Amino acid sequence: MLRPWAAHWISAVLLCGAVAQYSSDQCSWRGSGLSHESHRRDVEQVYLRCSQGSLEWLYPTGAIIVNLRPNTQPSSGHMAAFHVCIKPHPHSQGSHVYLERGGDLTLLLAEQEQARGSVQCFSLAEGALFVEAVPHTDISRRITAFQYELVPSQGPGAHMYPYLHPGLVTCKPCSDGEVLMAVCTSDFAGRGIFRGVASGTTEHSPVVVTLNGLFRQKSRVFAGARGRRWSGRINVPSRCGVHPGGDEYLLTGSIHFGEAWLGCAPRYKDFLKLYLRAQNAGTNPCHIDTD
């Protein structure tokens, strides 16, 4: 529910403007509440136009509105195709984080919840982030800090990322078309074996994998070893069981906040038949070295 003082702040932003502060690199923002005039409740507008970045607000006072957009031409349909996921730093404190749309505020993260570092996601079409400083006598050690990512709501393996649609994760196999697209567009793709399941949470478990071939990786989540092998961990939703050892799989997925998440993962021999059939038909969206 919108509080009267919050409505006054938001109205002031819309009608009279507010202190505007822009990110120098369009991806990350760092500011200080000490820049506010002591006799005003300022609302600063922050504009970030990037697929991922961070925010750090030192000595929070007043409030900031964080407007997040992809670095592509905006449209209503395009906005609905993205979710924003934020992950607070364990030391983050001093503010509550809300979703703001049309003057209505919905609590996303209370100050005391941020130390857990849990990921929260919402549709980009749902509005902007309204970060409100919590009044404290001493603000000298309070910093609000979080990372953010813009995550496609649909695509190969999107149904496996639990923070997009809490409680609605499905473990259904990807279609042939999704598998072929996943090997071309995923943050990582390789062939390997599940080695074992490490301790995790009720939502997901890290699975230790060994990759015998690595087609791509967006960032170095898999470490190279001797003999052209790579090792690492992939997060798998707890309800999607894995079977350590045995068959080799095509492993694809996304990387969020430095961690790998499983997407499409058919048996490699089945993928190879599919890939070669599509290659002979000239319908492969990309070429990979399967040797």
C-alpha atoms as a PDB file:
ATOM      1  CA  MET A   1       0.000   0.000   0.000  1.00  0.00           C
ATOM      2  CA  LEU A   2       1.214   3.487  -0.809  1.00  0.00           C
ATOM      3  CA  ARG A   3       1.956   5.627   2.228  1.00  0.00           C
ATOM      4  CA  PRO A   4       0.960   9.334   2.199  1.00  0.00           C
ATOM      5  CA  TRP A   5       4.543  10.613   2.420  1.00  0.00           C
ATOM      6  CA  ALA A   6       5.607   8.269  -0.349  1.00  0.00           C
ATOM      7  CA  ALA A   7       2.821   9.569  -2.562  1.00  0.00           C
ATOM      8  CA  HIS A   8       4.061  13.098  -1.898  1.00  0.00           C
ATOM      9  CA  TRP A   9       7.611  12.117  -2.885  1.00  0.00           C
ATOM     10  CA  ILE A  10       6.561  10.375  -6.086  1.00  0.00           C
ATOM     11  CA  SER A  11       4.252  13.242  -7.055  1.00  0.00           C
ATOM     12  CA  ALA A  12       7.126  15.647  -6.565  1.00  0.00           C
ATOM     13  CA  VAL A  13       9.246  13.579  -8.913  1.00  0.00           C
ATOM     14  CA  LEU A  14       6.583  13.512 -11.609  1.00  0.00           C
ATOM     15  CA  LEU A  15       5.481  17.138 -11.389  1.00  0.00           C
ATOM     16  CA  CYS A  16       8.490  19.109 -10.271  1.00  0.00           C
ATOM     17  CA  GLY A  17      11.432  16.899 -11.061  1.00  0.00           C
ATOM     18  CA  ALA A  18      14.022  15.569  -8.657  1.00  0.00           C
ATOM     19  CA  VAL A  19      17.735  15.571  -8.183  1.00  0.00           C
ATOM     20  CA  ALA A  20      18.925  13.572 -11.220  1.00  0.00           C
ATOM     21  CA  GLN A  21      22.046  11.459 -11.084  1.00  0.00           C
ATOM     22  CA  TYR A  22      23.155   9.357 -14.041  1.00  0.00           C
ATOM     23  CA  SER A  23      25.504   6.401 -14.192  1.00  0.00           C
ATOM     24  CA  SER A  24      28.705   7.241 -16.002  1.00  0.00           C
ATOM     25  CA  ASP A  25      28.863   3.826 -17.675  1.00  0.00           C
ATOM     26  CA  GLN A  26      25.097   3.170 -17.896  1.00  0.00           C
ATOM     27  CA  CYS A  27      25.604  -0.111 -16.002  1.00  0.00           C
ATOM     28  CA  SER A  28      26.474   0.776 -12.412  1.00  0.00           C
ATOM     29  CA  TRP A  29      25.797   3.632 -10.015  1.00  0.00           C
ATOM     30  CA  ARG A  30      27.504   4.769  -6.840  1.00  0.00           C
ATOM     31  CA  GLY A  31      26.158   7.669  -4.809  1.00  0.00           C
ATOM     32  CA  SER A  32      25.994   9.138  -1.328  1.00  0.00           C
ATOM     33  CA  GLY A  33      23.124  10.348   0.801  1.00  0.00           C
ATOM     34  CA  LEU A  34      25.416  13.059   2.157  1.00  0.00           C
ATOM     35  CA  SER A  35      24.773  15.000  -1.064  1.00  0.00           C
ATOM     36  CA  HIS A  36      21.194  15.600   0.037  1.00  0.00           C
ATOM     37  CA  GLU A  37      20.318  18.905   1.633  1.00  0.00           C
ATOM     38  CA  SER A  38      19.576  18.305   5.286  1.00  0.00           C
ATOM     39  CA  HIS A  39      16.212  20.111   5.192  1.00  0.00           C
ATOM     40  CA  ARG A  40      14.836  18.187   2.182  1.00  0.00           C
ATOM     41  CA  ARG A  41      13.576  14.700   1.504  1.00  0.00           C
ATOM     42  CA  ASP A  42      15.179  14.270  -1.881  1.00  0.00           C
ATOM     43  CA  VAL A  43      14.254  11.615  -4.405  1.00  0.00           C
ATOM     44  CA  GLU A  44      17.060  10.971  -6.869  1.00  0.00           C
ATOM     45  CA  GLN A  45      16.407   9.459 -10.265  1.00  0.00           C
ATOM     46  CA  VAL A  46      18.957   6.834 -11.365  1.00  0.00           C
ATOM     47  CA  TYR A  47      18.937   5.593 -14.979  1.00  0.00           C
ATOM     48  CA  LEU A  48      20.712   2.342 -15.856  1.00  0.00           C
ATOM     49  CA  ARG A  49      20.603   0.947 -19.389  1.00  0.00           C
ATOM     50  CA  CYS A  50      22.549  -2.301 -19.293  1.00  0.00           C
ATOM     51  CA  SER A  51      22.075  -6.049 -19.042  1.00  0.00           C
ATOM     52  CA  GLN A  52      23.847  -6.237 -15.666  1.00  0.00           C
ATOM     53  CA  GLY A  53      25.550  -4.017 -13.153  1.00  0.00           C
ATOM     54  CA  SER A  54      25.482  -2.863  -9.564  1.00  0.00           C
ATOM     55  CA  LEU A  55      24.276  -0.112  -7.248  1.00  0.00           C
ATOM     56  CA  GLU A  56      26.025   1.179  -4.143  1.00  0.00           C
ATOM     57  CA  TRP A  57      24.370   3.866  -2.013  1.00  0.00           C
ATOM     58  CA  LEU A  58      26.518   5.130   0.841  1.00  0.00           C
ATOM     59  CA  TYR A  59      24.965   6.743   3.929  1.00  0.00           C
ATOM     60  CA  PRO A  60      21.371   6.445   2.614  1.00  0.00           C
ATOM     61  CA  THR A  61      19.024   9.362   3.239  1.00  0.00           C
ATOM     62  CA  GLY A  62      15.806  10.171   1.405  1.00  0.00           C
ATOM     63  CA  ALA A  63      15.120   7.818  -1.492  1.00  0.00           C
ATOM     64  CA  ILE A  64      16.211   6.914  -5.004  1.00  0.00           C
ATOM     65  CA  ILE A  65      14.200   5.598  -7.948  1.00  0.00           C
ATOM     66  CA  VAL A  66      16.202   3.165 -10.087  1.00  0.00           C
ATOM     67  CA  ASN A  67      15.010   2.941 -13.700  1.00  0.00           C
ATOM     68  CA  LEU A  68      16.344  -0.210 -15.373  1.00  0.00           C
ATOM     69  CA  ARG A  69      16.151  -0.772 -19.127  1.00  0.00           C
ATOM     70  CA  PRO A  70      17.810  -3.124 -21.640  1.00  0.00           C
ATOM     71  CA  ASN A  71      20.296  -1.508 -24.008  1.00  0.00           C
ATOM     72  CA  THR A  72      17.931  -2.036 -26.946  1.00  0.00           C
ATOM     73  CA  GLN A  73      15.044  -0.078 -28.432  1.00  0.00           C
ATOM     74  CA  PRO A  74      12.251  -0.164 -25.821  1.00  0.00           C
ATOM     75  CA  SER A  75       8.701  -1.300 -26.523  1.00  0.00           C
ATOM     76  CA  SER A  76       5.899  -2.576 -24.342  1.00  0.00           C
ATOM     77  CA  GLY A  77       6.249  -6.132 -25.636  1.00  0.00           C
ATOM     78  CA  HIS A  78      10.029  -6.003 -25.344  1.00  0.00           C
ATOM     79  CA  MET A  79       9.812  -4.833 -21.726  1.00  0.00           C
ATOM     80  CA  ALA A  80       7.552  -7.738 -20.810  1.00  0.00           C
ATOM     81  CA  ALA A  81      10.133 -10.161 -22.239  1.00  0.00           C
ATOM     82  CA  PHE A  82      12.597  -9.370 -19.424  1.00  0.00           C
ATOM     83  CA  HIS A  83      12.764  -9.903 -15.704  1.00  0.00           C
ATOM     84  CA  VAL A  84      15.056  -7.977 -13.372  1.00  0.00           C
ATOM     85  CA  CYS A  85      16.842 -10.020 -10.721  1.00  0.00           C
ATOM     86  CA  ILE A  86      18.637  -8.322  -7.843  1.00  0.00           C
ATOM     87  CA  LYS A  87      21.014  -9.850  -5.321  1.00  0.00           C
ATOM     88  CA  PRO A  88      21.898  -7.733  -2.267  1.00  0.00           C
ATOM     89  CA  HIS A  89      25.384  -7.876  -0.819  1.00  0.00           C
ATOM     90  CA  PRO A  90      25.570  -9.504   2.628  1.00  0.00           C
ATOM     91  CA  HIS A  91      26.585  -6.171   4.187  1.00  0.00           C
ATOM     92  CA  SER A  92      23.705  -4.245   2.569  1.00  0.00           C
ATOM     93  CA  GLN A  93      21.636  -2.231   5.039  1.00  0.00           C
ATOM     94  CA  GLY A  94      20.080   1.148   5.590  1.00  0.00           C
ATOM     95  CA  SER A  95      17.167   0.906   3.115  1.00  0.00           C
ATOM     96  CA  HIS A  96      13.999  -0.904   2.176  1.00  0.00           C
ATOM     97  CA  VAL A  97      13.592  -1.833  -1.514  1.00  0.00           C
ATOM     98  CA  TYR A  98      10.170  -1.503  -3.148  1.00  0.00           C
ATOM     99  CA  LEU A  99       8.648  -1.898  -6.590  1.00  0.00           C
ATOM    100  CA  GLU A 100       7.019   1.357  -7.709  1.00  0.00           C
ATOM    101  CA  ARG A 101       4.451   1.640 -10.476  1.00  0.00           C
ATOM    102  CA  GLY A 102       1.913   4.382 -10.918  1.00  0.00           C
ATOM    103  CA  GLY A 103       2.451   5.631  -7.374  1.00  0.00           C
ATOM    104  CA  ASP A 104       1.903   2.221  -5.745  1.00  0.00           C
ATOM    105  CA  LEU A 105       4.671   0.641  -3.665  1.00  0.00           C
ATOM    106  CA  THR A 106       5.154  -3.098  -3.133  1.00  0.00           C
ATOM    107  CA  LEU A 107       7.829  -4.243  -0.686  1.00  0.00           C
ATOM    108  CA  LEU A 108      10.491  -6.354  -2.406  1.00  0.00           C
ATOM    109  CA  LEU A 109      13.271  -6.495   0.209  1.00  0.00           C
ATOM    110  CA  ALA A 110      13.133  -5.220   3.782  1.00  0.00           C
ATOM    111  CA  GLU A 111      16.381  -3.965   5.305  1.00  0.00           C
ATOM    112  CA  GLN A 112      16.765  -6.963   7.632  1.00  0.00           C
ATOM    113  CA  GLU A 113      16.284  -9.436   4.752  1.00  0.00           C
ATOM    114  CA  GLN A 114      19.192  -8.211   2.668  1.00  0.00           C
ATOM    115  CA  ALA A 115      21.943  -9.867   4.723  1.00  0.00           C
ATOM    116  CA  ARG A 116      20.775 -13.261   3.432  1.00  0.00           C
ATOM    117  CA  GLY A 117      21.767 -12.266  -0.105  1.00  0.00           C
ATOM    118  CA  SER A 118      18.736 -13.998  -1.597  1.00  0.00           C
ATOM    119  CA  VAL A 119      17.861 -13.277  -5.235  1.00  0.00           C
ATOM    120  CA  GLN A 120      14.580 -11.472  -5.977  1.00  0.00           C
ATOM    121  CA  CYS A 121      13.136 -11.177  -9.500  1.00  0.00           C
ATOM    122  CA  PHE A 122      10.297  -9.187 -11.032  1.00  0.00           C
ATOM    123  CA  SER A 123       9.063  -8.386 -14.517  1.00  0.00           C
ATOM    124  CA  LEU A 124      10.572  -5.263 -16.055  1.00  0.00           C
ATOM    125  CA  ALA A 125       7.022  -4.214 -16.961  1.00  0.00           C
ATOM    126  CA  GLU A 126       6.072  -4.131 -13.256  1.00  0.00           C
ATOM    127  CA  GLY A 127       7.848  -0.835 -12.630  1.00  0.00           C
ATOM    128  CA  ALA A 128      10.989   0.733 -11.170  1.00  0.00           C
ATOM    129  CA  LEU A 129      12.887   0.135  -7.942  1.00  0.00           C
ATOM    130  CA  PHE A 130      12.076   2.578  -5.152  1.00  0.00           C
ATOM    131  CA  VAL A 131      14.876   2.426  -2.568  1.00  0.00           C
ATOM    132  CA  GLU A 132      13.868   4.183   0.657  1.00  0.00           C
ATOM    133  CA  ALA A 133      16.381   5.002   3.379  1.00  0.00           C
ATOM    134  CA  VAL A 134      15.458   3.805   6.860  1.00  0.00           C
ATOM    135  CA  PRO A 135      15.954   6.603   9.426  1.00  0.00           C
ATOM    136  CA  HIS A 136      18.893   5.871  11.726  1.00  0.00           C
ATOM    137  CA  THR A 137      20.680   8.012  14.266  1.00  0.00           C
ATOM    138  CA  ASP A 138      24.055   6.902  12.904  1.00  0.00           C
ATOM    139  CA  ILE A 139      24.295   6.364   9.131  1.00  0.00           C
ATOM    140  CA  SER A 140      28.107   6.351   8.976  1.00  0.00           C
ATOM    141  CA  ARG A 141      28.384   2.582   8.513  1.00  0.00           C
ATOM    142  CA  ARG A 142      25.275   1.948   6.433  1.00  0.00           C
ATOM    143  CA  ILE A 143      25.566   1.073   2.755  1.00  0.00           C
ATOM    144  CA  THR A 144      22.841  -0.255   0.471  1.00  0.00           C
ATOM    145  CA  ALA A 145      24.435  -2.387  -2.242  1.00  0.00           C
ATOM    146  CA  PHE A 146      23.156  -4.935  -4.721  1.00  0.00           C
ATOM    147  CA  GLN A 147      23.893  -6.443  -8.119  1.00  0.00           C
ATOM    148  CA  TYR A 148      21.258  -6.654 -10.826  1.00  0.00           C
ATOM    149  CA  GLU A 149      20.722  -8.582 -14.046  1.00  0.00           C
ATOM    150  CA  LEU A 150      18.164  -8.364 -16.836  1.00  0.00           C
ATOM    151  CA  VAL A 151      17.085 -11.935 -17.548  1.00  0.00           C
ATOM    152  CA  PRO A 152      15.038 -13.058 -20.589  1.00  0.00           C
ATOM    153  CA  SER A 153      11.697 -14.416 -19.408  1.00  0.00           C
ATOM    154  CA  GLN A 154      11.570 -16.997 -22.173  1.00  0.00           C
ATOM    155  CA  GLY A 155      14.033 -19.043 -24.186  1.00  0.00           C
ATOM    156  CA  PRO A 156      15.840 -22.387 -23.942  1.00  0.00           C
ATOM    157  CA  GLY A 157      16.094 -23.445 -20.314  1.00  0.00           C
ATOM    158  CA  ALA A 158      14.432 -20.309 -18.857  1.00  0.00           C
ATOM    159  CA  HIS A 159      11.890 -22.543 -17.104  1.00  0.00           C
ATOM    160  CA  MET A 160      14.721 -24.038 -15.022  1.00  0.00           C
ATOM    161  CA  TYR A 161      15.765 -20.789 -13.302  1.00  0.00           C
ATOM    162  CA  PRO A 162      13.726 -20.893 -10.054  1.00  0.00           C
ATOM    163  CA  TYR A 163      13.821 -17.170  -9.223  1.00  0.00           C
ATOM    164  CA  LEU A 164      11.872 -16.149 -12.345  1.00  0.00           C
ATOM    165  CA  HIS A 165       8.743 -18.109 -11.463  1.00  0.00           C
ATOM    166  CA  PRO A 166       8.971 -19.277  -7.831  1.00  0.00           C
ATOM    167  CA  GLY A 167       7.284 -22.625  -7.285  1.00  0.00           C
ATOM    168  CA  LEU A 168       6.658 -23.139 -11.008  1.00  0.00           C
ATOM    169  CA  VAL A 169       9.961 -24.718 -12.076  1.00  0.00           C
ATOM    170  CA  THR A 170       9.385 -27.526 -14.571  1.00  0.00           C
ATOM    171  CA  CYS A 171      11.857 -30.235 -15.487  1.00  0.00           C
ATOM    172  CA  LYS A 172      10.389 -31.111 -18.855  1.00  0.00           C
ATOM    173  CA  PRO A 173      12.926 -31.896 -21.597  1.00  0.00           C
ATOM    174  CA  CYS A 174      13.629 -29.161 -24.124  1.00  0.00           C
ATOM    175  CA  SER A 175      12.241 -29.557 -27.630  1.00  0.00           C
ATOM    176  CA  ASP A 176      14.580 -30.320 -30.552  1.00  0.00           C
ATOM    177  CA  GLY A 177      14.440 -26.681 -31.630  1.00  0.00           C
ATOM    178  CA  GLU A 178      15.193 -25.456 -28.112  1.00  0.00           C
ATOM    179  CA  VAL A 179      18.195 -27.790 -27.822  1.00  0.00           C
ATOM    180  CA  LEU A 180      19.693 -26.592 -31.119  1.00  0.00           C
ATOM    181  CA  MET A 181      19.149 -22.974 -30.109  1.00  0.00           C
ATOM    182  CA  ALA A 182      20.522 -23.570 -26.598  1.00  0.00           C
ATOM    183  CA  VAL A 183      23.872 -24.850 -27.844  1.00  0.00           C
ATOM    184  CA  CYS A 184      24.213 -21.639 -29.896  1.00  0.00           C
ATOM    185  CA  THR A 185      22.913 -18.987 -27.502  1.00  0.00           C
ATOM    186  CA  SER A 186      23.380 -20.253 -23.926  1.00  0.00           C
ATOM    187  CA  ASP A 187      25.918 -18.651 -21.586  1.00  0.00           C
ATOM    188  CA  PHE A 188      27.734 -21.986 -21.504  1.00  0.00           C
ATOM    189  CA  ALA A 189      27.607 -25.180 -23.567  1.00  0.00           C
ATOM    190  CA  GLY A 190      29.695 -28.323 -23.372  1.00  0.00           C
ATOM    191  CA  ARG A 191      29.551 -32.088 -23.069  1.00  0.00           C
ATOM    192  CA  GLY A 192      30.232 -33.780 -19.795  1.00  0.00           C
ATOM    193  CA  ILE A 193      29.271 -36.035 -16.903  1.00  0.00           C
ATOM    194  CA  PHE A 194      27.523 -35.371 -13.592  1.00  0.00           C
ATOM    195  CA  ARG A 195      29.964 -36.346 -10.830  1.00  0.00           C
ATOM    196  CA  GLY A 196      27.980 -35.739  -7.650  1.00  0.00           C
ATOM    197  CA  VAL A 197      25.548 -33.495  -5.807  1.00  0.00           C
ATOM    198  CA  ALA A 198      26.819 -31.029  -3.199  1.00  0.00           C
ATOM    199  CA  SER A 199      24.735 -29.686  -0.330  1.00  0.00           C
ATOM    200  CA  GLY A 200      22.406 -26.880  -1.379  1.00  0.00           C
ATOM    201  CA  THR A 201      19.034 -25.399  -0.488  1.00  0.00           C
ATOM    202  CA  THR A 202      15.453 -26.592  -0.737  1.00  0.00           C
ATOM    203  CA  GLU A 203      15.207 -24.825  -4.121  1.00  0.00           C
ATOM    204  CA  HIS A 204      18.394 -25.971  -5.839  1.00  0.00           C
ATOM    205  CA  SER A 205      21.534 -28.078  -5.480  1.00  0.00           C
ATOM    206  CA  PRO A 206      25.036 -27.512  -6.916  1.00  0.00           C
ATOM    207  CA  VAL A 207      26.056 -30.486  -9.058  1.00  0.00           C
ATOM    208  CA  VAL A 208      29.753 -31.200  -9.653  1.00  0.00           C
ATOM    209  CA  VAL A 209      30.479 -31.814 -13.336  1.00  0.00           C
ATOM    210  CA  THR A 210      33.440 -32.754 -15.510  1.00  0.00           C
ATOM    211  CA  LEU A 211      33.353 -31.468 -19.084  1.00  0.00           C
ATOM    212  CA  ASN A 212      35.139 -33.408 -21.819  1.00  0.00           C
ATOM    213  CA  GLY A 213      34.462 -30.606 -24.303  1.00  0.00           C
ATOM    214  CA  LEU A 214      33.575 -26.940 -23.861  1.00  0.00           C
ATOM    215  CA  PHE A 215      31.920 -25.160 -26.773  1.00  0.00           C
ATOM    216  CA  ARG A 216      31.532 -21.817 -24.996  1.00  0.00           C
ATOM    217  CA  GLN A 217      31.356 -20.122 -21.624  1.00  0.00           C
ATOM    218  CA  LYS A 218      30.397 -16.519 -20.987  1.00  0.00           C
ATOM    219  CA  SER A 219      32.626 -16.233 -17.939  1.00  0.00           C
ATOM    220  CA  ARG A 220      35.117 -18.586 -16.360  1.00  0.00           C
ATOM    221  CA  VAL A 221      32.792 -20.691 -14.224  1.00  0.00           C
ATOM    222  CA  PHE A 222      34.537 -23.878 -15.420  1.00  0.00           C
ATOM    223  CA  ALA A 223      38.230 -24.302 -14.705  1.00  0.00           C
ATOM    224  CA  GLY A 224      40.470 -26.017 -17.245  1.00  0.00           C
ATOM    225  CA  ALA A 225      42.466 -29.074 -16.289  1.00  0.00           C
ATOM    226  CA  ARG A 226      45.030 -31.263 -17.990  1.00  0.00           C
ATOM    227  CA  GLY A 227      43.893 -33.385 -20.912  1.00  0.00           C
ATOM    228  CA  ARG A 228      41.446 -30.781 -22.275  1.00  0.00           C
ATOM    229  CA  ARG A 229      38.944 -31.257 -19.470  1.00  0.00           C
ATOM    230  CA  TRP A 230      37.088 -28.693 -17.386  1.00  0.00           C
ATOM    231  CA  SER A 231      35.464 -28.940 -13.983  1.00  0.00           C
ATOM    232  CA  GLY A 232      32.936 -26.865 -12.089  1.00  0.00           C
ATOM    233  CA  ARG A 233      29.481 -26.756 -10.550  1.00  0.00           C
ATOM    234  CA  ILE A 234      26.061 -26.259 -12.099  1.00  0.00           C
ATOM    235  CA  ASN A 235      22.982 -25.355 -10.050  1.00  0.00           C
ATOM    236  CA  VAL A 236      20.048 -27.674 -10.689  1.00  0.00           C
ATOM    237  CA  PRO A 237      16.520 -27.243  -9.240  1.00  0.00           C
ATOM    238  CA  SER A 238      16.096 -29.744  -6.405  1.00  0.00           C
ATOM    239  CA  ARG A 239      12.994 -31.261  -7.961  1.00  0.00           C
ATOM    240  CA  CYS A 240      14.965 -32.106 -11.131  1.00  0.00           C
ATOM    241  CA  GLY A 241      16.958 -35.181 -10.162  1.00  0.00           C
ATOM    242  CA  VAL A 242      20.369 -35.887 -11.718  1.00  0.00           C
ATOM    243  CA  HIS A 243      22.157 -39.220 -11.991  1.00  0.00           C
ATOM    244  CA  PRO A 244      25.904 -39.015 -11.272  1.00  0.00           C
ATOM    245  CA  GLY A 245      28.145 -41.066 -13.522  1.00  0.00           C
ATOM    246  CA  GLY A 246      27.058 -43.011 -16.540  1.00  0.00           C
ATOM    247  CA  ASP A 247      25.908 -41.192 -19.651  1.00  0.00           C
ATOM    248  CA  GLU A 248      27.543 -38.099 -21.118  1.00  0.00           C
ATOM    249  CA  TYR A 249      25.220 -35.104 -21.529  1.00  0.00           C
ATOM    250  CA  LEU A 250      25.101 -31.924 -23.517  1.00  0.00           C
ATOM    251  CA  LEU A 251      25.181 -29.332 -20.723  1.00  0.00           C
ATOM    252  CA  THR A 252      23.847 -25.872 -21.491  1.00  0.00           C
ATOM    253  CA  GLY A 253      22.535 -23.094 -19.312  1.00  0.00           C
ATOM    254  CA  SER A 254      22.804 -19.561 -18.039  1.00  0.00           C
ATOM    255  CA  ILE A 255      25.166 -17.744 -15.688  1.00  0.00           C
ATOM    256  CA  HIS A 256      23.640 -15.552 -12.996  1.00  0.00           C
ATOM    257  CA  PHE A 257      25.674 -13.625 -10.418  1.00  0.00           C
ATOM    258  CA  GLY A 258      28.744 -15.722 -11.205  1.00  0.00           C
ATOM    259  CA  GLU A 259      27.013 -19.112 -10.903  1.00  0.00           C
ATOM    260  CA  ALA A 260      26.041 -21.611 -13.607  1.00  0.00           C
ATOM    261  CA  TRP A 261      22.419 -22.783 -13.864  1.00  0.00           C
ATOM    262  CA  LEU A 262      21.351 -25.800 -15.892  1.00  0.00           C
ATOM    263  CA  GLY A 263      19.134 -25.315 -18.945  1.00  0.00           C
ATOM    264  CA  CYS A 264      18.680 -27.863 -21.736  1.00  0.00           C
ATOM    265  CA  ALA A 265      20.605 -31.087 -21.015  1.00  0.00           C
ATOM    266  CA  PRO A 266      19.854 -34.047 -23.323  1.00  0.00           C
ATOM    267  CA  ARG A 267      22.096 -37.079 -23.540  1.00  0.00           C
ATOM    268  CA  TYR A 268      24.994 -36.174 -25.774  1.00  0.00           C
ATOM    269  CA  LYS A 269      24.479 -39.091 -28.129  1.00  0.00           C
ATOM    270  CA  ASP A 270      20.875 -37.975 -28.681  1.00  0.00           C
ATOM    271  CA  PHE A 271      21.983 -34.379 -29.250  1.00  0.00           C
ATOM    272  CA  LEU A 272      24.631 -35.525 -31.741  1.00  0.00           C
ATOM    273  CA  LYS A 273      22.040 -37.353 -33.842  1.00  0.00           C
ATOM    274  CA  LEU A 274      19.792 -34.280 -33.747  1.00  0.00           C
ATOM    275  CA  TYR A 275      22.645 -31.918 -34.647  1.00  0.00           C
ATOM    276  CA  LEU A 276      23.881 -34.021 -37.576  1.00  0.00           C
ATOM    277  CA  ARG A 277      20.336 -34.422 -38.913  1.00  0.00           C
ATOM    278  CA  ALA A 278      19.799 -30.659 -38.792  1.00  0.00           C
ATOM    279  CA  GLN A 279      23.236 -30.071 -40.334  1.00  0.00           C
ATOM    280  CA  ASN A 280      22.399 -32.306 -43.290  1.00  0.00           C
ATOM    281  CA  ALA A 281      19.098 -30.443 -43.708  1.00  0.00           C
ATOM    282  CA  GLY A 282      20.840 -27.052 -43.480  1.00  0.00           C
ATOM    283  CA  THR A 283      18.670 -25.931 -40.544  1.00  0.00           C
ATOM    284  CA  ASN A 284      21.287 -25.611 -37.790  1.00  0.00           C
ATOM    285  CA  PRO A 285      21.297 -22.093 -36.270  1.00  0.00           C
ATOM    286  CA  CYS A 286      25.077 -22.315 -35.717  1.00  0.00           C
ATOM    287  CA  HIS A 287      28.081 -24.581 -36.179  1.00  0.00           C
ATOM    288  CA  ILE A 288      30.018 -26.268 -33.379  1.00  0.00           C
ATOM    289  CA  ASP A 289      32.968 -28.633 -33.450  1.00  0.00           C
ATOM    290  CA  THR A 290      31.552 -32.009 -32.379  1.00  0.00           C
ATOM    291  CA  ASP A 291      34.796 -33.951 -32.929  1.00  0.00           C
END
